[in-house]
Amino acid sequence: HVQLVESGGGSVQPGGSLRLSCSASGVTWYNYVMGWFRQAPGKEREGVAGMRIGRGITYYADSAKGRFSISQDNSKNTVYLQMNSLNPEDTAMYYCAVHQSCSVVAGTYRAGGREYWGQGTQVTVS
């Protein structure tokens, strides 16, 4: 079965950086996307960024453009989310997901099709 393990969260001061990692195992799809989502207390979950595995195609929500960067390590089936210039509004639980498709509509990144989710890693900016 599919397992996703996130790491790299923590506490950082405004203006700081963090790099999140997500390692996937058990994915048997030929073509899929690994994405990052976040949910702040009292808010709905929102998409941050995604990458189509093997093709290197990246997708970003408007909130992430220019500050966050998603990358992959194919040999480790791992994606990374480099987050720079963090501000308190970035404070949230960050989740990694594997999904079959994705889209960016009106600056919002969305997953599509079947999905698998990790347990999340907390990012606190203060």
C-alpha atoms as a PDB file:
ATOM      1  CA  HIS A   1       0.000   0.000   0.000  1.00  0.00           C
ATOM      2  CA  VAL A   2       1.030   3.616  -0.460  1.00  0.00           C
ATOM      3  CA  GLN A   3       2.948   5.272   2.323  1.00  0.00           C
ATOM      4  CA  LEU A   4       4.066   8.871   2.477  1.00  0.00           C
ATOM      5  CA  VAL A   5       6.468  10.138   5.095  1.00  0.00           C
ATOM      6  CA  GLU A   6       6.986  13.852   5.546  1.00  0.00           C
ATOM      7  CA  SER A   7       9.802  15.526   7.419  1.00  0.00           C
ATOM      8  CA  GLY A   8      11.516  18.865   7.751  1.00  0.00           C
ATOM      9  CA  GLY A   9       8.930  20.924   9.545  1.00  0.00           C
ATOM     10  CA  GLY A  10       9.765  23.070  12.526  1.00  0.00           C
ATOM     11  CA  SER A  11       9.785  26.577  13.899  1.00  0.00           C
ATOM     12  CA  VAL A  12      11.444  29.465  12.128  1.00  0.00           C
ATOM     13  CA  GLN A  13      11.493  33.220  12.394  1.00  0.00           C
ATOM     14  CA  PRO A  14       9.857  35.407   9.740  1.00  0.00           C
ATOM     15  CA  GLY A  15      12.074  35.652   6.710  1.00  0.00           C
ATOM     16  CA  GLY A  16      13.591  32.257   7.375  1.00  0.00           C
ATOM     17  CA  SER A  17      13.606  29.083   5.306  1.00  0.00           C
ATOM     18  CA  LEU A  18      12.681  25.453   5.678  1.00  0.00           C
ATOM     19  CA  ARG A  19      12.874  22.447   3.401  1.00  0.00           C
ATOM     20  CA  LEU A  20      10.214  19.790   3.646  1.00  0.00           C
ATOM     21  CA  SER A  21      10.728  16.268   2.365  1.00  0.00           C
ATOM     22  CA  CYS A  22       8.218  13.635   1.351  1.00  0.00           C
ATOM     23  CA  SER A  23       9.224  10.076   0.606  1.00  0.00           C
ATOM     24  CA  ALA A  24       6.737   7.828  -1.138  1.00  0.00           C
ATOM     25  CA  SER A  25       6.584   4.062  -1.288  1.00  0.00           C
ATOM     26  CA  GLY A  26       4.124   1.616  -2.761  1.00  0.00           C
ATOM     27  CA  VAL A  27       2.953   3.847  -5.625  1.00  0.00           C
ATOM     28  CA  THR A  28       2.202   1.710  -8.658  1.00  0.00           C
ATOM     29  CA  TRP A  29       0.764   4.357 -10.951  1.00  0.00           C
ATOM     30  CA  TYR A  30       2.756   5.074 -14.057  1.00  0.00           C
ATOM     31  CA  ASN A  31       1.901   8.764 -14.159  1.00  0.00           C
ATOM     32  CA  TYR A  32       1.153  10.693 -10.996  1.00  0.00           C
ATOM     33  CA  VAL A  33       1.690  13.896  -9.121  1.00  0.00           C
ATOM     34  CA  MET A  34       3.221  14.494  -5.718  1.00  0.00           C
ATOM     35  CA  GLY A  35       1.987  17.649  -4.108  1.00  0.00           C
ATOM     36  CA  TRP A  36       2.129  19.718  -0.968  1.00  0.00           C
ATOM     37  CA  PHE A  37      -0.885  21.076   0.816  1.00  0.00           C
ATOM     38  CA  ARG A  38      -1.307  22.973   4.049  1.00  0.00           C
ATOM     39  CA  GLN A  39      -3.979  23.624   6.591  1.00  0.00           C
ATOM     40  CA  ALA A  40      -3.861  26.368   9.164  1.00  0.00           C
ATOM     41  CA  PRO A  41      -6.058  26.254  12.289  1.00  0.00           C
ATOM     42  CA  GLY A  42      -9.606  27.258  11.443  1.00  0.00           C
ATOM     43  CA  LYS A  43      -8.944  27.330   7.713  1.00  0.00           C
ATOM     44  CA  GLU A  44      -9.573  24.980   4.831  1.00  0.00           C
ATOM     45  CA  ARG A  45      -6.781  22.949   3.394  1.00  0.00           C
ATOM     46  CA  GLU A  46      -5.120  24.647   0.437  1.00  0.00           C
ATOM     47  CA  GLY A  47      -2.796  23.412  -2.247  1.00  0.00           C
ATOM     48  CA  VAL A  48       0.716  24.798  -2.328  1.00  0.00           C
ATOM     49  CA  ALA A  49       2.679  23.095  -5.094  1.00  0.00           C
ATOM     50  CA  GLY A  50       2.945  19.885  -7.057  1.00  0.00           C
ATOM     51  CA  MET A  51       5.248  18.029  -9.364  1.00  0.00           C
ATOM     52  CA  ARG A  52       4.426  15.483 -12.032  1.00  0.00           C
ATOM     53  CA  ILE A  53       6.832  12.709 -11.195  1.00  0.00           C
ATOM     54  CA  GLY A  54       9.245  11.691 -13.907  1.00  0.00           C
ATOM     55  CA  ARG A  55       8.406  14.642 -16.131  1.00  0.00           C
ATOM     56  CA  GLY A  56       9.550  17.439 -13.894  1.00  0.00           C
ATOM     57  CA  ILE A  57       6.477  19.552 -14.546  1.00  0.00           C
ATOM     58  CA  THR A  58       5.774  21.828 -11.608  1.00  0.00           C
ATOM     59  CA  TYR A  59       2.644  23.555 -10.455  1.00  0.00           C
ATOM     60  CA  TYR A  60       2.359  26.359  -7.918  1.00  0.00           C
ATOM     61  CA  ALA A  61      -0.403  28.152  -6.127  1.00  0.00           C
ATOM     62  CA  ASP A  62      -0.134  31.921  -6.264  1.00  0.00           C
ATOM     63  CA  SER A  63       0.699  31.941  -2.554  1.00  0.00           C
ATOM     64  CA  ALA A  64       3.829  29.895  -3.264  1.00  0.00           C
ATOM     65  CA  LYS A  65       5.146  31.483  -6.429  1.00  0.00           C
ATOM     66  CA  GLY A  66       8.484  33.195  -6.022  1.00  0.00           C
ATOM     67  CA  ARG A  67       9.039  31.873  -2.500  1.00  0.00           C
ATOM     68  CA  PHE A  68       8.588  28.117  -2.633  1.00  0.00           C
ATOM     69  CA  SER A  69      10.210  25.613  -4.931  1.00  0.00           C
ATOM     70  CA  ILE A  70       9.300  21.972  -5.428  1.00  0.00           C
ATOM     71  CA  SER A  71      11.844  19.457  -6.657  1.00  0.00           C
ATOM     72  CA  GLN A  72      12.263  15.715  -6.876  1.00  0.00           C
ATOM     73  CA  ASP A  73      14.853  13.041  -6.342  1.00  0.00           C
ATOM     74  CA  ASN A  74      13.778  10.197  -8.583  1.00  0.00           C
ATOM     75  CA  SER A  75      16.248   7.769  -7.093  1.00  0.00           C
ATOM     76  CA  LYS A  76      14.641   8.178  -3.693  1.00  0.00           C
ATOM     77  CA  ASN A  77      11.068   8.761  -4.907  1.00  0.00           C
ATOM     78  CA  THR A  78      11.155  11.878  -2.817  1.00  0.00           C
ATOM     79  CA  VAL A  79       9.927  15.388  -3.371  1.00  0.00           C
ATOM     80  CA  TYR A  80      11.124  18.451  -1.560  1.00  0.00           C
ATOM     81  CA  LEU A  81       9.485  21.769  -0.862  1.00  0.00           C
ATOM     82  CA  GLN A  82      11.997  24.541  -0.338  1.00  0.00           C
ATOM     83  CA  MET A  83      10.276  27.400   1.430  1.00  0.00           C
ATOM     84  CA  ASN A  84      11.969  30.788   1.596  1.00  0.00           C
ATOM     85  CA  SER A  85      10.931  34.169   2.948  1.00  0.00           C
ATOM     86  CA  LEU A  86       8.507  32.540   5.323  1.00  0.00           C
ATOM     87  CA  ASN A  87       5.971  34.688   7.095  1.00  0.00           C
ATOM     88  CA  PRO A  88       3.490  33.989   9.897  1.00  0.00           C
ATOM     89  CA  GLU A  89       0.725  33.356   7.341  1.00  0.00           C
ATOM     90  CA  ASP A  90       2.664  30.269   6.245  1.00  0.00           C
ATOM     91  CA  THR A  91       2.133  28.671   9.640  1.00  0.00           C
ATOM     92  CA  ALA A  92       0.207  25.454   9.070  1.00  0.00           C
ATOM     93  CA  MET A  93       0.337  21.700   9.033  1.00  0.00           C
ATOM     94  CA  TYR A  94       1.876  20.733   5.722  1.00  0.00           C
ATOM     95  CA  TYR A  95       0.756  17.536   4.047  1.00  0.00           C
ATOM     96  CA  CYS A  96       2.241  15.588   1.207  1.00  0.00           C
ATOM     97  CA  ALA A  97      -0.073  13.803  -1.193  1.00  0.00           C
ATOM     98  CA  VAL A  98       0.143  11.529  -4.174  1.00  0.00           C
ATOM     99  CA  HIS A  99      -2.622  12.063  -6.678  1.00  0.00           C
ATOM    100  CA  GLN A 100      -3.434  11.133 -10.209  1.00  0.00           C
ATOM    101  CA  SER A 101      -3.945  14.595 -11.610  1.00  0.00           C
ATOM    102  CA  CYS A 102      -3.852  18.232 -10.649  1.00  0.00           C
ATOM    103  CA  SER A 103      -4.761  21.677 -11.825  1.00  0.00           C
ATOM    104  CA  VAL A 104      -4.109  25.297 -11.086  1.00  0.00           C
ATOM    105  CA  VAL A 105      -7.258  27.380 -11.442  1.00  0.00           C
ATOM    106  CA  ALA A 106      -7.474  31.017 -10.415  1.00  0.00           C
ATOM    107  CA  GLY A 107      -4.147  30.645  -8.640  1.00  0.00           C
ATOM    108  CA  THR A 108      -5.300  27.666  -6.614  1.00  0.00           C
ATOM    109  CA  TYR A 109      -3.554  24.319  -6.809  1.00  0.00           C
ATOM    110  CA  ARG A 110      -5.903  21.339  -6.622  1.00  0.00           C
ATOM    111  CA  ALA A 111      -5.451  17.598  -6.596  1.00  0.00           C
ATOM    112  CA  GLY A 112      -7.554  15.338  -8.772  1.00  0.00           C
ATOM    113  CA  GLY A 113      -8.371  11.674  -9.062  1.00  0.00           C
ATOM    114  CA  ARG A 114      -7.423   9.154  -6.464  1.00  0.00           C
ATOM    115  CA  GLU A 115      -5.335  10.513  -3.588  1.00  0.00           C
ATOM    116  CA  TYR A 116      -3.084   9.276  -0.829  1.00  0.00           C
ATOM    117  CA  TRP A 117      -2.011  11.483   2.062  1.00  0.00           C
ATOM    118  CA  GLY A 118       0.796  11.649   4.556  1.00  0.00           C
ATOM    119  CA  GLN A 119       0.420  12.458   8.229  1.00  0.00           C
ATOM    120  CA  GLY A 120       1.707  15.993   7.949  1.00  0.00           C
ATOM    121  CA  THR A 121       4.529  18.048   9.368  1.00  0.00           C
ATOM    122  CA  GLN A 122       4.047  21.254  11.321  1.00  0.00           C
ATOM    123  CA  VAL A 123       5.545  24.527  10.166  1.00  0.00           C
ATOM    124  CA  THR A 124       5.439  27.460  12.562  1.00  0.00           C
ATOM    125  CA  VAL A 125       6.674  30.921  11.632  1.00  0.00           C
ATOM    126  CA  SER A 126       6.873  33.373  14.526  1.00  0.00           C
END
